[in-house]
Amino acid sequence: MAHIVDIMKGEGKMTAYGQTVRRLRLGQGLPQKAVYTGIVSRSFYAKFEKGQTNISADKLFEILRRLDISPNEFLFQHRGMRPSAIQQLSKQIDQDYQAGDLQALRDFYTANRYHRLPEMRALALRAYTGVYTANQNILHMSNAPIAEVQALLAQTPQWTLSQARLIIETNLLIPLSNPQHQAFFRQAVATLRDYLAFDDQVANDLGGAYLNEIQTQLIAGRLPAAATLAAELQTLSAQTGTTTIKLTAAFCQYLIGLYTDYPAVEPQLTTFLTWCKQLNLPDTRDFGLIATVHRDRGRNHYDRHQYFDHRE
């Protein structure tokens, strides 16, 4: 991640947005009066569009409403149609984790664990979590940085979206026997549900949260709990419009089926995975690896219970 300094350059500084507003206004063929009347004075918006002054958030939001553009879309336009530095770094962390570049993740954590921006500190912890969970913590790293943040969030009554996402990635480190595990999962899910209207990706995150928890329950031998969660996700997926969460819900049902009716479900799962591979959606690319783990466990569970059923 040698390019971090370049990516972060200029991030977090007070920036005059007036020139971007002017470009968008002209692009829509709107006169200044149609955008600014009743919000700011003529002398103010003249300076604002020249980039000579900034504007309060409430007034900027009202101007954006008249331009029929969301704050997120506006910032995307303002950055020259590029993702934010945080988004770029988050993607880089994902890529480094998938590539197994643990050194890059460790370097990022070391460089940013005390960063002045909370978003960067959160990314640093994500990188650390990636190293910690890789290959059953092959590097024997301490859980202390993760536990410290978890302890803080345990005392936080209302989480932000980024905090909920962080818990989703780290909750597997808390044993199922600890009541905090279930409390964290439920609070993360509740937070994501509150944000569903914010961005389609939130629905995908919600599906991922359930998939992680269902796997944790299955590996612990808690099939009824996993089946209950899969049913919850199926209901939630019907209430959202994203393809990914619907696919995740279906995949979770197949995982449960491997344990309850392996001979019938395994061929169906194989067909489903082939279809998902053709779709090539980012959030479904790990389905094949996950299925490999649960095929063996599911078959063993099914065979064992079939044996006892026949004995009875």
C-alpha atoms as a PDB file:
ATOM      1  CA  MET A   1       0.000   0.000   0.000  1.00  0.00           C
ATOM      2  CA  ALA A   2       2.751   2.445  -0.890  1.00  0.00           C
ATOM      3  CA  HIS A   3       0.201   4.754  -2.492  1.00  0.00           C
ATOM      4  CA  ILE A   4      -1.651   5.579   0.758  1.00  0.00           C
ATOM      5  CA  VAL A   5      -0.179   9.071   1.020  1.00  0.00           C
ATOM      6  CA  ASP A   6      -1.254   9.900  -2.521  1.00  0.00           C
ATOM      7  CA  ILE A   7      -4.761   8.578  -1.950  1.00  0.00           C
ATOM      8  CA  MET A   8      -5.204  10.494   1.304  1.00  0.00           C
ATOM      9  CA  LYS A   9      -3.805  13.748  -0.043  1.00  0.00           C
ATOM     10  CA  GLY A  10      -6.390  16.465   0.450  1.00  0.00           C
ATOM     11  CA  GLU A  11      -8.843  14.211   2.305  1.00  0.00           C
ATOM     12  CA  GLY A  12     -10.494  15.714   5.359  1.00  0.00           C
ATOM     13  CA  LYS A  13      -9.694  19.336   4.431  1.00  0.00           C
ATOM     14  CA  MET A  14     -12.366  22.035   4.202  1.00  0.00           C
ATOM     15  CA  THR A  15     -13.143  22.303   0.505  1.00  0.00           C
ATOM     16  CA  ALA A  16     -15.195  24.878  -1.372  1.00  0.00           C
ATOM     17  CA  TYR A  17     -17.947  22.993  -3.161  1.00  0.00           C
ATOM     18  CA  GLY A  18     -19.314  25.980  -5.056  1.00  0.00           C
ATOM     19  CA  GLN A  19     -17.546  25.276  -8.331  1.00  0.00           C
ATOM     20  CA  THR A  20     -18.974  21.754  -8.423  1.00  0.00           C
ATOM     21  CA  VAL A  21     -22.457  23.108  -7.671  1.00  0.00           C
ATOM     22  CA  ARG A  22     -22.027  25.608 -10.515  1.00  0.00           C
ATOM     23  CA  ARG A  23     -21.005  22.871 -12.942  1.00  0.00           C
ATOM     24  CA  LEU A  24     -23.998  20.734 -11.988  1.00  0.00           C
ATOM     25  CA  ARG A  25     -26.354  23.707 -12.155  1.00  0.00           C
ATOM     26  CA  LEU A  26     -25.195  24.670 -15.633  1.00  0.00           C
ATOM     27  CA  GLY A  27     -25.336  21.047 -16.721  1.00  0.00           C
ATOM     28  CA  GLN A  28     -29.023  21.004 -15.845  1.00  0.00           C
ATOM     29  CA  GLY A  29     -29.643  24.366 -17.485  1.00  0.00           C
ATOM     30  CA  LEU A  30     -30.819  25.969 -14.231  1.00  0.00           C
ATOM     31  CA  PRO A  31     -30.461  29.695 -13.488  1.00  0.00           C
ATOM     32  CA  GLN A  32     -28.908  30.754 -10.197  1.00  0.00           C
ATOM     33  CA  LYS A  33     -32.235  32.015  -8.854  1.00  0.00           C
ATOM     34  CA  ALA A  34     -33.829  28.584  -9.241  1.00  0.00           C
ATOM     35  CA  VAL A  35     -31.132  27.030  -7.076  1.00  0.00           C
ATOM     36  CA  TYR A  36     -30.302  29.676  -4.480  1.00  0.00           C
ATOM     37  CA  THR A  37     -33.372  31.878  -3.905  1.00  0.00           C
ATOM     38  CA  GLY A  38     -34.512  31.655  -0.301  1.00  0.00           C
ATOM     39  CA  ILE A  39     -31.342  29.872   0.789  1.00  0.00           C
ATOM     40  CA  VAL A  40     -28.482  32.367   0.403  1.00  0.00           C
ATOM     41  CA  SER A  41     -28.123  35.917  -0.874  1.00  0.00           C
ATOM     42  CA  ARG A  42     -27.067  36.833  -4.394  1.00  0.00           C
ATOM     43  CA  SER A  43     -23.731  38.220  -3.232  1.00  0.00           C
ATOM     44  CA  PHE A  44     -23.045  35.029  -1.295  1.00  0.00           C
ATOM     45  CA  TYR A  45     -23.791  32.575  -4.079  1.00  0.00           C
ATOM     46  CA  ALA A  46     -21.681  34.595  -6.500  1.00  0.00           C
ATOM     47  CA  LYS A  47     -18.669  34.050  -4.231  1.00  0.00           C
ATOM     48  CA  PHE A  48     -19.715  30.474  -3.497  1.00  0.00           C
ATOM     49  CA  GLU A  49     -19.713  29.435  -7.148  1.00  0.00           C
ATOM     50  CA  LYS A  50     -16.276  30.980  -7.611  1.00  0.00           C
ATOM     51  CA  GLY A  51     -14.901  28.845  -4.799  1.00  0.00           C
ATOM     52  CA  GLN A  52     -14.219  31.859  -2.613  1.00  0.00           C
ATOM     53  CA  THR A  53     -16.294  30.753   0.378  1.00  0.00           C
ATOM     54  CA  ASN A  54     -17.853  27.680   1.908  1.00  0.00           C
ATOM     55  CA  ILE A  55     -21.413  27.099   3.052  1.00  0.00           C
ATOM     56  CA  SER A  56     -23.114  25.500   6.039  1.00  0.00           C
ATOM     57  CA  ALA A  57     -24.204  21.882   5.717  1.00  0.00           C
ATOM     58  CA  ASP A  58     -27.935  22.592   6.060  1.00  0.00           C
ATOM     59  CA  LYS A  59     -27.849  25.135   3.243  1.00  0.00           C
ATOM     60  CA  LEU A  60     -25.742  22.879   1.032  1.00  0.00           C
ATOM     61  CA  PHE A  61     -28.215  20.023   1.515  1.00  0.00           C
ATOM     62  CA  GLU A  62     -31.090  22.284   0.477  1.00  0.00           C
ATOM     63  CA  ILE A  63     -29.179  23.358  -2.644  1.00  0.00           C
ATOM     64  CA  LEU A  64     -28.494  19.715  -3.510  1.00  0.00           C
ATOM     65  CA  ARG A  65     -32.185  18.945  -3.079  1.00  0.00           C
ATOM     66  CA  ARG A  66     -32.996  21.576  -5.690  1.00  0.00           C
ATOM     67  CA  LEU A  67     -30.389  20.054  -7.977  1.00  0.00           C
ATOM     68  CA  ASP A  68     -32.025  16.644  -7.376  1.00  0.00           C
ATOM     69  CA  ILE A  69     -28.742  15.026  -6.357  1.00  0.00           C
ATOM     70  CA  SER A  70     -27.897  13.114  -3.181  1.00  0.00           C
ATOM     71  CA  PRO A  71     -24.957  14.171  -0.971  1.00  0.00           C
ATOM     72  CA  ASN A  72     -23.107  10.942  -1.836  1.00  0.00           C
ATOM     73  CA  GLU A  73     -23.571  11.472  -5.566  1.00  0.00           C
ATOM     74  CA  PHE A  74     -22.502  15.095  -5.191  1.00  0.00           C
ATOM     75  CA  LEU A  75     -19.279  14.118  -3.415  1.00  0.00           C
ATOM     76  CA  PHE A  76     -18.605  11.516  -6.109  1.00  0.00           C
ATOM     77  CA  GLN A  77     -18.987  14.252  -8.736  1.00  0.00           C
ATOM     78  CA  HIS A  78     -16.865  16.623  -6.672  1.00  0.00           C
ATOM     79  CA  ARG A  79     -14.019  14.077  -6.544  1.00  0.00           C
ATOM     80  CA  GLY A  80     -14.027  13.845 -10.326  1.00  0.00           C
ATOM     81  CA  MET A  81     -16.132  10.661 -10.526  1.00  0.00           C
ATOM     82  CA  ARG A  82     -13.736   8.767  -8.248  1.00  0.00           C
ATOM     83  CA  PRO A  83     -14.418   6.854  -5.022  1.00  0.00           C
ATOM     84  CA  SER A  84     -13.286   8.438  -1.775  1.00  0.00           C
ATOM     85  CA  ALA A  85      -9.879   7.737  -0.279  1.00  0.00           C
ATOM     86  CA  ILE A  86     -11.511   5.597   2.398  1.00  0.00           C
ATOM     87  CA  GLN A  87     -13.358   3.574  -0.238  1.00  0.00           C
ATOM     88  CA  GLN A  88     -10.159   3.065  -2.233  1.00  0.00           C
ATOM     89  CA  LEU A  89      -8.218   1.955   0.832  1.00  0.00           C
ATOM     90  CA  SER A  90     -11.014  -0.363   1.930  1.00  0.00           C
ATOM     91  CA  LYS A  91     -10.926  -2.010  -1.494  1.00  0.00           C
ATOM     92  CA  GLN A  92      -7.139  -2.310  -1.278  1.00  0.00           C
ATOM     93  CA  ILE A  93      -7.422  -4.043   2.100  1.00  0.00           C
ATOM     94  CA  ASP A  94      -9.879  -6.529   0.608  1.00  0.00           C
ATOM     95  CA  GLN A  95      -7.541  -7.175  -2.314  1.00  0.00           C
ATOM     96  CA  ASP A  96      -4.518  -7.661  -0.052  1.00  0.00           C
ATOM     97  CA  TYR A  97      -6.476 -10.080   2.135  1.00  0.00           C
ATOM     98  CA  GLN A  98      -7.685 -12.110  -0.846  1.00  0.00           C
ATOM     99  CA  ALA A  99      -4.131 -12.187  -2.230  1.00  0.00           C
ATOM    100  CA  GLY A 100      -2.779 -13.379   1.122  1.00  0.00           C
ATOM    101  CA  ASP A 101      -0.500 -10.343   1.421  1.00  0.00           C
ATOM    102  CA  LEU A 102      -0.399 -10.327   5.210  1.00  0.00           C
ATOM    103  CA  GLN A 103       2.665  -8.086   5.294  1.00  0.00           C
ATOM    104  CA  ALA A 104       0.791  -5.316   3.470  1.00  0.00           C
ATOM    105  CA  LEU A 105      -2.056  -5.616   5.966  1.00  0.00           C
ATOM    106  CA  ARG A 106       0.343  -5.484   8.924  1.00  0.00           C
ATOM    107  CA  ASP A 107       2.118  -2.462   7.480  1.00  0.00           C
ATOM    108  CA  PHE A 108      -1.195  -0.662   7.004  1.00  0.00           C
ATOM    109  CA  TYR A 109      -2.214  -1.391  10.585  1.00  0.00           C
ATOM    110  CA  THR A 110       1.122  -0.218  11.992  1.00  0.00           C
ATOM    111  CA  ALA A 111       1.025   3.009   9.976  1.00  0.00           C
ATOM    112  CA  ASN A 112      -2.590   3.911  10.732  1.00  0.00           C
ATOM    113  CA  ARG A 113      -3.617   2.447  14.099  1.00  0.00           C
ATOM    114  CA  TYR A 114      -3.283   5.902  15.711  1.00  0.00           C
ATOM    115  CA  HIS A 115      -4.398   7.957  12.706  1.00  0.00           C
ATOM    116  CA  ARG A 116      -6.194  11.223  13.512  1.00  0.00           C
ATOM    117  CA  LEU A 117      -9.202  10.182  11.403  1.00  0.00           C
ATOM    118  CA  PRO A 118     -11.507   7.587  13.014  1.00  0.00           C
ATOM    119  CA  GLU A 119     -12.272   6.149   9.570  1.00  0.00           C
ATOM    120  CA  MET A 120      -8.592   5.358   9.093  1.00  0.00           C
ATOM    121  CA  ARG A 121      -8.315   3.796  12.544  1.00  0.00           C
ATOM    122  CA  ALA A 122     -11.302   1.602  11.670  1.00  0.00           C
ATOM    123  CA  LEU A 123      -9.608   0.539   8.430  1.00  0.00           C
ATOM    124  CA  ALA A 124      -6.440  -0.222  10.378  1.00  0.00           C
ATOM    125  CA  LEU A 125      -8.406  -2.552  12.632  1.00  0.00           C
ATOM    126  CA  ARG A 126      -9.964  -4.231   9.579  1.00  0.00           C
ATOM    127  CA  ALA A 127      -6.464  -4.882   8.250  1.00  0.00           C
ATOM    128  CA  TYR A 128      -5.381  -6.258  11.623  1.00  0.00           C
ATOM    129  CA  THR A 129      -8.425  -8.524  11.775  1.00  0.00           C
ATOM    130  CA  GLY A 130      -7.542  -9.876   8.340  1.00  0.00           C
ATOM    131  CA  VAL A 131      -4.081 -10.840   9.552  1.00  0.00           C
ATOM    132  CA  TYR A 132      -5.362 -12.218  12.853  1.00  0.00           C
ATOM    133  CA  THR A 133      -7.945 -14.505  11.265  1.00  0.00           C
ATOM    134  CA  ALA A 134      -5.729 -15.706   8.396  1.00  0.00           C
ATOM    135  CA  ASN A 135      -4.872 -19.406   8.625  1.00  0.00           C
ATOM    136  CA  GLN A 136      -6.017 -19.723  12.261  1.00  0.00           C
ATOM    137  CA  ASN A 137      -3.775 -16.832  13.352  1.00  0.00           C
ATOM    138  CA  ILE A 138      -0.649 -18.455  11.947  1.00  0.00           C
ATOM    139  CA  LEU A 139       1.384 -15.385  12.972  1.00  0.00           C
ATOM    140  CA  HIS A 140       0.242 -15.684  16.616  1.00  0.00           C
ATOM    141  CA  MET A 141      -0.868 -12.074  16.855  1.00  0.00           C
ATOM    142  CA  SER A 142      -2.543 -10.618  19.923  1.00  0.00           C
ATOM    143  CA  ASN A 143      -6.317 -10.207  20.084  1.00  0.00           C
ATOM    144  CA  ALA A 144      -5.916  -7.083  22.256  1.00  0.00           C
ATOM    145  CA  PRO A 145      -6.521  -4.394  19.574  1.00  0.00           C
ATOM    146  CA  ILE A 146      -9.741  -6.098  18.473  1.00  0.00           C
ATOM    147  CA  ALA A 147     -10.929  -6.755  22.030  1.00  0.00           C
ATOM    148  CA  GLU A 148     -10.314  -3.108  22.918  1.00  0.00           C
ATOM    149  CA  VAL A 149     -12.659  -1.865  20.191  1.00  0.00           C
ATOM    150  CA  GLN A 150     -15.225  -4.542  20.996  1.00  0.00           C
ATOM    151  CA  ALA A 151     -15.222  -3.431  24.641  1.00  0.00           C
ATOM    152  CA  LEU A 152     -15.812   0.159  23.564  1.00  0.00           C
ATOM    153  CA  LEU A 153     -18.695  -0.764  21.254  1.00  0.00           C
ATOM    154  CA  ALA A 154     -20.252  -2.891  23.985  1.00  0.00           C
ATOM    155  CA  GLN A 155     -20.814   0.388  25.847  1.00  0.00           C
ATOM    156  CA  THR A 156     -22.071   2.254  22.762  1.00  0.00           C
ATOM    157  CA  PRO A 157     -25.892   2.192  22.544  1.00  0.00           C
ATOM    158  CA  GLN A 158     -26.137   3.233  18.902  1.00  0.00           C
ATOM    159  CA  TRP A 159     -23.629   2.223  16.244  1.00  0.00           C
ATOM    160  CA  THR A 160     -22.685   3.836  12.988  1.00  0.00           C
ATOM    161  CA  LEU A 161     -22.748   1.824   9.779  1.00  0.00           C
ATOM    162  CA  SER A 162     -18.969   1.421   9.800  1.00  0.00           C
ATOM    163  CA  GLN A 163     -19.039   0.191  13.408  1.00  0.00           C
ATOM    164  CA  ALA A 164     -21.676  -2.411  12.559  1.00  0.00           C
ATOM    165  CA  ARG A 165     -19.577  -3.598   9.624  1.00  0.00           C
ATOM    166  CA  LEU A 166     -16.526  -3.848  11.870  1.00  0.00           C
ATOM    167  CA  ILE A 167     -18.385  -6.039  14.355  1.00  0.00           C
ATOM    168  CA  ILE A 168     -19.588  -8.293  11.533  1.00  0.00           C
ATOM    169  CA  GLU A 169     -15.958  -8.966  10.611  1.00  0.00           C
ATOM    170  CA  THR A 170     -14.717  -9.500  14.182  1.00  0.00           C
ATOM    171  CA  ASN A 171     -17.632 -11.152  15.986  1.00  0.00           C
ATOM    172  CA  LEU A 172     -16.404 -14.642  15.091  1.00  0.00           C
ATOM    173  CA  LEU A 173     -13.546 -14.044  17.547  1.00  0.00           C
ATOM    174  CA  ILE A 174     -16.020 -14.004  20.454  1.00  0.00           C
ATOM    175  CA  PRO A 175     -17.018 -17.537  21.548  1.00  0.00           C
ATOM    176  CA  LEU A 176     -20.658 -18.515  21.106  1.00  0.00           C
ATOM    177  CA  SER A 177     -20.738 -19.295  24.826  1.00  0.00           C
ATOM    178  CA  ASN A 178     -20.173 -15.597  25.564  1.00  0.00           C
ATOM    179  CA  PRO A 179     -23.530 -13.722  25.587  1.00  0.00           C
ATOM    180  CA  GLN A 180     -21.736 -10.770  23.986  1.00  0.00           C
ATOM    181  CA  HIS A 181     -21.476 -12.713  20.726  1.00  0.00           C
ATOM    182  CA  GLN A 182     -25.232 -12.872  20.244  1.00  0.00           C
ATOM    183  CA  ALA A 183     -25.733  -9.324  21.546  1.00  0.00           C
ATOM    184  CA  PHE A 184     -23.220  -7.969  19.027  1.00  0.00           C
ATOM    185  CA  PHE A 185     -24.765  -9.916  16.161  1.00  0.00           C
ATOM    186  CA  ARG A 186     -28.245  -8.644  16.940  1.00  0.00           C
ATOM    187  CA  GLN A 187     -27.108  -5.036  17.331  1.00  0.00           C
ATOM    188  CA  ALA A 188     -25.150  -5.201  14.068  1.00  0.00           C
ATOM    189  CA  VAL A 189     -28.184  -6.613  12.251  1.00  0.00           C
ATOM    190  CA  ALA A 190     -30.468  -3.959  13.759  1.00  0.00           C
ATOM    191  CA  THR A 191     -28.061  -1.212  12.671  1.00  0.00           C
ATOM    192  CA  LEU A 192     -27.834  -2.553   9.124  1.00  0.00           C
ATOM    193  CA  ARG A 193     -31.612  -2.781   8.892  1.00  0.00           C
ATOM    194  CA  ASP A 194     -31.864   0.875   9.931  1.00  0.00           C
ATOM    195  CA  TYR A 195     -29.522   1.757   7.051  1.00  0.00           C
ATOM    196  CA  LEU A 196     -31.179  -0.361   4.347  1.00  0.00           C
ATOM    197  CA  ALA A 197     -32.588   2.676   2.557  1.00  0.00           C
ATOM    198  CA  PHE A 198     -29.156   4.342   2.553  1.00  0.00           C
ATOM    199  CA  ASP A 199     -27.373   2.150   0.005  1.00  0.00           C
ATOM    200  CA  ASP A 200     -27.931  -1.187  -1.757  1.00  0.00           C
ATOM    201  CA  GLN A 201     -24.592  -2.415  -0.398  1.00  0.00           C
ATOM    202  CA  VAL A 202     -26.083  -2.404   3.106  1.00  0.00           C
ATOM    203  CA  ALA A 203     -28.456  -5.206   2.097  1.00  0.00           C
ATOM    204  CA  ASN A 204     -25.454  -7.182   0.852  1.00  0.00           C
ATOM    205  CA  ASP A 205     -23.698  -6.545   4.175  1.00  0.00           C
ATOM    206  CA  LEU A 206     -26.789  -7.780   5.992  1.00  0.00           C
ATOM    207  CA  GLY A 207     -26.702 -10.995   3.988  1.00  0.00           C
ATOM    208  CA  GLY A 208     -23.003 -11.354   4.752  1.00  0.00           C
ATOM    209  CA  ALA A 209     -23.639 -10.889   8.472  1.00  0.00           C
ATOM    210  CA  TYR A 210     -26.150 -13.720   8.472  1.00  0.00           C
ATOM    211  CA  LEU A 211     -23.900 -15.946   6.361  1.00  0.00           C
ATOM    212  CA  ASN A 212     -21.015 -15.475   8.811  1.00  0.00           C
ATOM    213  CA  GLU A 213     -23.210 -16.226  11.810  1.00  0.00           C
ATOM    214  CA  ILE A 214     -24.850 -19.248  10.182  1.00  0.00           C
ATOM    215  CA  GLN A 215     -21.416 -20.708   9.427  1.00  0.00           C
ATOM    216  CA  THR A 216     -20.327 -20.105  13.011  1.00  0.00           C
ATOM    217  CA  GLN A 217     -23.401 -21.913  14.316  1.00  0.00           C
ATOM    218  CA  LEU A 218     -22.977 -24.821  11.894  1.00  0.00           C
ATOM    219  CA  ILE A 219     -19.322 -25.333  12.753  1.00  0.00           C
ATOM    220  CA  ALA A 220     -20.284 -25.336  16.444  1.00  0.00           C
ATOM    221  CA  GLY A 221     -22.826 -28.074  15.728  1.00  0.00           C
ATOM    222  CA  ARG A 222     -25.821 -25.847  16.380  1.00  0.00           C
ATOM    223  CA  LEU A 223     -27.963 -26.823  13.415  1.00  0.00           C
ATOM    224  CA  PRO A 224     -31.336 -25.624  14.805  1.00  0.00           C
ATOM    225  CA  ALA A 225     -29.919 -22.154  15.549  1.00  0.00           C
ATOM    226  CA  ALA A 226     -28.390 -21.982  12.061  1.00  0.00           C
ATOM    227  CA  ALA A 227     -31.677 -23.039  10.478  1.00  0.00           C
ATOM    228  CA  THR A 228     -33.538 -20.327  12.405  1.00  0.00           C
ATOM    229  CA  LEU A 229     -31.090 -17.697  11.158  1.00  0.00           C
ATOM    230  CA  ALA A 230     -31.405 -18.957   7.581  1.00  0.00           C
ATOM    231  CA  ALA A 231     -35.184 -18.606   7.835  1.00  0.00           C
ATOM    232  CA  GLU A 232     -34.784 -15.047   9.161  1.00  0.00           C
ATOM    233  CA  LEU A 233     -32.530 -14.168   6.254  1.00  0.00           C
ATOM    234  CA  GLN A 234     -34.998 -15.663   3.785  1.00  0.00           C
ATOM    235  CA  THR A 235     -37.698 -13.345   5.161  1.00  0.00           C
ATOM    236  CA  LEU A 236     -35.401 -10.315   5.060  1.00  0.00           C
ATOM    237  CA  SER A 237     -34.299 -11.052   1.498  1.00  0.00           C
ATOM    238  CA  ALA A 238     -37.915 -10.972   0.356  1.00  0.00           C
ATOM    239  CA  GLN A 239     -38.188  -7.448   1.761  1.00  0.00           C
ATOM    240  CA  THR A 240     -35.169  -6.069  -0.113  1.00  0.00           C
ATOM    241  CA  GLY A 241     -34.501  -5.581  -3.783  1.00  0.00           C
ATOM    242  CA  THR A 242     -30.866  -6.625  -4.152  1.00  0.00           C
ATOM    243  CA  THR A 243     -29.850  -9.732  -6.042  1.00  0.00           C
ATOM    244  CA  THR A 244     -26.924 -10.512  -3.753  1.00  0.00           C
ATOM    245  CA  ILE A 245     -28.906 -10.856  -0.525  1.00  0.00           C
ATOM    246  CA  LYS A 246     -31.403 -13.110  -2.303  1.00  0.00           C
ATOM    247  CA  LEU A 247     -28.559 -15.302  -3.545  1.00  0.00           C
ATOM    248  CA  THR A 248     -26.997 -15.320  -0.076  1.00  0.00           C
ATOM    249  CA  ALA A 249     -30.313 -16.377   1.464  1.00  0.00           C
ATOM    250  CA  ALA A 250     -30.641 -19.206  -1.059  1.00  0.00           C
ATOM    251  CA  PHE A 251     -27.038 -20.276  -0.449  1.00  0.00           C
ATOM    252  CA  CYS A 252     -27.645 -20.416   3.305  1.00  0.00           C
ATOM    253  CA  GLN A 253     -30.658 -22.650   2.745  1.00  0.00           C
ATOM    254  CA  TYR A 254     -28.461 -24.987   0.694  1.00  0.00           C
ATOM    255  CA  LEU A 255     -25.859 -25.039   3.492  1.00  0.00           C
ATOM    256  CA  ILE A 256     -28.520 -26.105   5.975  1.00  0.00           C
ATOM    257  CA  GLY A 257     -29.726 -28.701   3.473  1.00  0.00           C
ATOM    258  CA  LEU A 258     -26.276 -30.296   3.321  1.00  0.00           C
ATOM    259  CA  TYR A 259     -26.730 -31.258   6.973  1.00  0.00           C
ATOM    260  CA  THR A 260     -30.368 -32.337   6.780  1.00  0.00           C
ATOM    261  CA  ASP A 261     -30.689 -33.986   3.342  1.00  0.00           C
ATOM    262  CA  TYR A 262     -27.234 -34.240   1.786  1.00  0.00           C
ATOM    263  CA  PRO A 263     -28.011 -36.607  -1.152  1.00  0.00           C
ATOM    264  CA  ALA A 264     -30.804 -34.402  -2.481  1.00  0.00           C
ATOM    265  CA  VAL A 265     -29.290 -30.982  -1.746  1.00  0.00           C
ATOM    266  CA  GLU A 266     -25.662 -31.447  -2.820  1.00  0.00           C
ATOM    267  CA  PRO A 267     -26.432 -31.694  -6.591  1.00  0.00           C
ATOM    268  CA  GLN A 268     -28.734 -28.675  -6.302  1.00  0.00           C
ATOM    269  CA  LEU A 269     -25.980 -26.726  -4.563  1.00  0.00           C
ATOM    270  CA  THR A 270     -23.509 -27.625  -7.317  1.00  0.00           C
ATOM    271  CA  THR A 271     -25.884 -26.267  -9.961  1.00  0.00           C
ATOM    272  CA  PHE A 272     -26.469 -23.133  -7.883  1.00  0.00           C
ATOM    273  CA  LEU A 273     -22.730 -22.480  -7.491  1.00  0.00           C
ATOM    274  CA  THR A 274     -22.191 -22.846 -11.246  1.00  0.00           C
ATOM    275  CA  TRP A 275     -24.866 -20.239 -11.829  1.00  0.00           C
ATOM    276  CA  CYS A 276     -23.353 -17.874  -9.238  1.00  0.00           C
ATOM    277  CA  LYS A 277     -19.928 -18.252 -10.849  1.00  0.00           C
ATOM    278  CA  GLN A 278     -21.386 -17.172 -14.174  1.00  0.00           C
ATOM    279  CA  LEU A 279     -22.964 -14.113 -12.535  1.00  0.00           C
ATOM    280  CA  ASN A 280     -19.545 -13.218 -11.046  1.00  0.00           C
ATOM    281  CA  LEU A 281     -20.927 -10.941  -8.327  1.00  0.00           C
ATOM    282  CA  PRO A 282     -18.299  -9.741  -5.799  1.00  0.00           C
ATOM    283  CA  ASP A 283     -20.253 -10.817  -2.722  1.00  0.00           C
ATOM    284  CA  THR A 284     -20.832 -14.373  -3.994  1.00  0.00           C
ATOM    285  CA  ARG A 285     -17.288 -15.265  -5.062  1.00  0.00           C
ATOM    286  CA  ASP A 286     -16.496 -17.034  -1.782  1.00  0.00           C
ATOM    287  CA  PHE A 287     -19.540 -19.311  -1.968  1.00  0.00           C
ATOM    288  CA  GLY A 288     -17.501 -22.107  -3.535  1.00  0.00           C
ATOM    289  CA  LEU A 289     -14.867 -22.129  -0.776  1.00  0.00           C
ATOM    290  CA  ILE A 290     -17.530 -21.997   1.918  1.00  0.00           C
ATOM    291  CA  ALA A 291     -19.431 -24.855   0.306  1.00  0.00           C
ATOM    292  CA  THR A 292     -16.284 -27.005   0.262  1.00  0.00           C
ATOM    293  CA  VAL A 293     -16.036 -26.765   4.056  1.00  0.00           C
ATOM    294  CA  HIS A 294     -19.667 -27.584   4.677  1.00  0.00           C
ATOM    295  CA  ARG A 295     -19.953 -30.364   2.105  1.00  0.00           C
ATOM    296  CA  ASP A 296     -17.720 -32.600   4.218  1.00  0.00           C
ATOM    297  CA  ARG A 297     -19.237 -31.542   7.518  1.00  0.00           C
ATOM    298  CA  GLY A 298     -22.767 -31.799   6.158  1.00  0.00           C
ATOM    299  CA  ARG A 299     -22.228 -35.264   4.686  1.00  0.00           C
ATOM    300  CA  ASN A 300     -20.710 -36.542   7.930  1.00  0.00           C
ATOM    301  CA  HIS A 301     -23.565 -35.099   9.969  1.00  0.00           C
ATOM    302  CA  TYR A 302     -26.186 -36.549   7.635  1.00  0.00           C
ATOM    303  CA  ASP A 303     -24.564 -39.998   7.524  1.00  0.00           C
ATOM    304  CA  ARG A 304     -24.193 -40.116  11.294  1.00  0.00           C
ATOM    305  CA  HIS A 305     -27.813 -39.216  11.940  1.00  0.00           C
ATOM    306  CA  GLN A 306     -29.027 -41.580   9.231  1.00  0.00           C
ATOM    307  CA  TYR A 307     -27.106 -44.358  11.000  1.00  0.00           C
ATOM    308  CA  PHE A 308     -28.757 -43.642  14.346  1.00  0.00           C
ATOM    309  CA  ASP A 309     -32.181 -43.277  12.725  1.00  0.00           C
ATOM    310  CA  HIS A 310     -31.843 -46.722  11.152  1.00  0.00           C
ATOM    311  CA  ARG A 311     -30.743 -48.256  14.448  1.00  0.00           C
ATOM    312  CA  GLU A 312     -33.887 -46.966  16.066  1.00  0.00           C
END
